[in-house]
């Protein structure tokens, strides 16, 4: 059995390029992240799992 190696490509994108790619793919569904709200949601999920 032989495995064929494929070259790995790596790209560095600017924030603007990333935002454009995301908008092209997902439209307006992408919104800025609120870290405090995300942390609160994660804590609530952990509490809910601990109760089960």
N, C-alpha and C. Protein backbone atom coordinates (compact mmCIF):
# COMPACT_ATOMS: atom_id res chain seq x y z
N UNK A 1 0.84 -1.17 0.00
CA UNK A 1 0.00 0.00 0.00
C UNK A 1 0.90 1.24 0.00
N UNK A 2 0.64 2.13 -0.92
CA UNK A 2 1.43 3.36 -0.97
C UNK A 2 0.52 4.53 -0.66
N UNK A 3 1.10 5.49 0.00
CA UNK A 3 0.33 6.70 0.29
C UNK A 3 0.95 7.84 -0.48
N UNK A 4 0.11 8.58 -1.10
CA UNK A 4 0.57 9.71 -1.90
C UNK A 4 0.54 10.96 -1.02
N UNK A 5 1.64 11.64 -0.94
CA UNK A 5 1.71 12.86 -0.13
C UNK A 5 1.30 14.05 -0.96
N UNK A 6 0.45 14.86 -0.35
CA UNK A 6 0.02 16.07 -1.02
C UNK A 6 0.65 17.26 -0.32
N UNK A 7 0.98 18.24 -1.09
CA UNK A 7 1.61 19.43 -0.54
C UNK A 7 0.59 20.22 0.28
N UNK A 8 1.01 20.68 1.43
CA UNK A 8 0.16 21.48 2.30
C UNK A 8 0.41 22.95 2.00
N UNK A 9 -0.66 23.66 1.70
CA UNK A 9 -0.55 25.10 1.42
C UNK A 9 -1.04 25.87 2.62
N UNK A 10 -0.37 26.93 2.95
CA UNK A 10 -0.74 27.78 4.08
C UNK A 10 -0.84 29.22 3.57
N UNK A 11 -1.88 29.91 4.01
CA UNK A 11 -2.09 31.28 3.58
C UNK A 11 -2.30 32.17 4.79
N UNK A 12 -1.83 33.39 4.71
CA UNK A 12 -2.08 34.38 5.75
C UNK A 12 -3.02 35.42 5.15
N UNK A 13 -4.16 35.60 5.80
CA UNK A 13 -5.16 36.54 5.30
C UNK A 13 -5.32 37.70 6.27
N UNK A 14 -5.65 38.84 5.71
CA UNK A 14 -5.94 40.00 6.56
C UNK A 14 -7.35 39.85 7.13
N UNK A 15 -7.66 40.61 8.14
CA UNK A 15 -9.00 40.57 8.73
C UNK A 15 -10.06 40.90 7.70
N UNK A 16 -9.76 41.85 6.83
CA UNK A 16 -10.72 42.24 5.79
C UNK A 16 -10.99 41.09 4.83
N UNK A 17 -9.94 40.36 4.46
CA UNK A 17 -10.11 39.22 3.56
C UNK A 17 -10.94 38.11 4.21
N UNK A 18 -10.68 37.87 5.49
CA UNK A 18 -11.45 36.85 6.21
C UNK A 18 -12.92 37.25 6.29
N UNK A 19 -13.18 38.51 6.64
CA UNK A 19 -14.56 38.98 6.72
C UNK A 19 -15.27 38.87 5.37
N UNK A 20 -14.56 39.19 4.29
CA UNK A 20 -15.16 39.08 2.96
C UNK A 20 -15.49 37.62 2.63
N UNK A 21 -14.57 36.71 2.92
CA UNK A 21 -14.82 35.29 2.66
C UNK A 21 -16.02 34.79 3.46
N UNK A 22 -16.09 35.17 4.74
CA UNK A 22 -17.22 34.75 5.57
C UNK A 22 -18.53 35.34 5.07
N UNK A 23 -18.51 36.60 4.70
CA UNK A 23 -19.73 37.24 4.20
C UNK A 23 -20.18 36.59 2.89
N UNK A 24 -19.22 36.29 2.01
CA UNK A 24 -19.56 35.63 0.75
C UNK A 24 -20.18 34.26 0.99
N UNK A 25 -19.68 33.54 2.00
CA UNK A 25 -20.15 32.18 2.29
C UNK A 25 -21.44 32.17 3.10
N UNK A 26 -21.52 33.04 4.11
CA UNK A 26 -22.64 32.97 5.05
C UNK A 26 -23.56 34.18 5.03
N UNK A 27 -23.23 35.19 4.28
CA UNK A 27 -24.07 36.39 4.23
C UNK A 27 -23.99 37.17 5.52
N UNK A 28 -25.12 37.72 5.93
CA UNK A 28 -25.16 38.56 7.12
C UNK A 28 -25.34 37.77 8.41
N UNK A 29 -25.28 36.44 8.35
CA UNK A 29 -25.47 35.62 9.54
C UNK A 29 -24.29 35.73 10.51
N UNK A 30 -23.14 36.17 10.02
CA UNK A 30 -21.96 36.29 10.87
C UNK A 30 -22.02 37.61 11.61
N UNK A 31 -21.89 37.55 12.92
CA UNK A 31 -21.94 38.75 13.75
C UNK A 31 -20.73 38.79 14.67
N UNK A 32 -20.34 39.98 15.10
CA UNK A 32 -19.21 40.07 16.03
C UNK A 32 -19.50 39.27 17.30
N UNK A 33 -18.46 38.72 17.89
CA UNK A 33 -18.62 37.88 19.07
C UNK A 33 -18.56 38.73 20.33
N UNK A 34 -19.48 38.48 21.22
CA UNK A 34 -19.47 39.12 22.53
C UNK A 34 -18.87 38.11 23.50
N UNK A 35 -17.63 38.31 23.89
CA UNK A 35 -16.91 37.32 24.71
C UNK A 35 -17.57 37.13 26.07
N UNK A 36 -18.08 38.18 26.67
CA UNK A 36 -18.72 38.05 27.98
C UNK A 36 -19.98 37.20 27.87
N UNK A 37 -20.77 37.44 26.83
CA UNK A 37 -22.00 36.67 26.63
C UNK A 37 -21.67 35.20 26.32
N UNK A 38 -20.63 34.98 25.52
CA UNK A 38 -20.22 33.62 25.18
C UNK A 38 -19.75 32.87 26.44
N UNK A 39 -18.99 33.54 27.28
CA UNK A 39 -18.52 32.91 28.52
C UNK A 39 -19.70 32.55 29.41
N UNK A 40 -20.68 33.42 29.49
CA UNK A 40 -21.88 33.16 30.30
C UNK A 40 -22.65 31.96 29.76
N UNK A 41 -22.79 31.88 28.44
CA UNK A 41 -23.49 30.76 27.82
C UNK A 41 -22.74 29.45 28.07
N UNK A 42 -21.42 29.48 27.95
CA UNK A 42 -20.62 28.27 28.19
C UNK A 42 -20.74 27.82 29.63
N UNK A 43 -20.74 28.75 30.57
CA UNK A 43 -20.88 28.42 31.98
C UNK A 43 -22.25 27.79 32.23
N UNK A 44 -23.28 28.34 31.63
CA UNK A 44 -24.64 27.80 31.79
C UNK A 44 -24.72 26.38 31.22
N UNK A 45 -24.08 26.15 30.06
CA UNK A 45 -24.06 24.80 29.46
C UNK A 45 -23.38 23.81 30.39
N UNK A 46 -22.25 24.22 30.98
CA UNK A 46 -21.53 23.34 31.89
C UNK A 46 -22.40 23.01 33.12
N UNK A 47 -23.10 23.99 33.64
CA UNK A 47 -23.98 23.76 34.79
C UNK A 47 -25.10 22.81 34.43
N UNK A 48 -25.68 22.99 33.26
CA UNK A 48 -26.77 22.11 32.81
C UNK A 48 -26.29 20.68 32.64
N UNK A 49 -25.09 20.49 32.09
CA UNK A 49 -24.55 19.15 31.91
C UNK A 49 -24.24 18.49 33.25
N UNK A 50 -23.81 19.29 34.22
CA UNK A 50 -23.48 18.75 35.53
C UNK A 50 -24.72 18.26 36.24
N UNK A 51 -25.88 18.87 35.99
CA UNK A 51 -27.13 18.48 36.62
C UNK A 51 -27.65 17.15 36.07
N UNK A 52 -27.30 16.82 34.85
CA UNK A 52 -27.83 15.61 34.21
C UNK A 52 -27.19 14.36 34.72
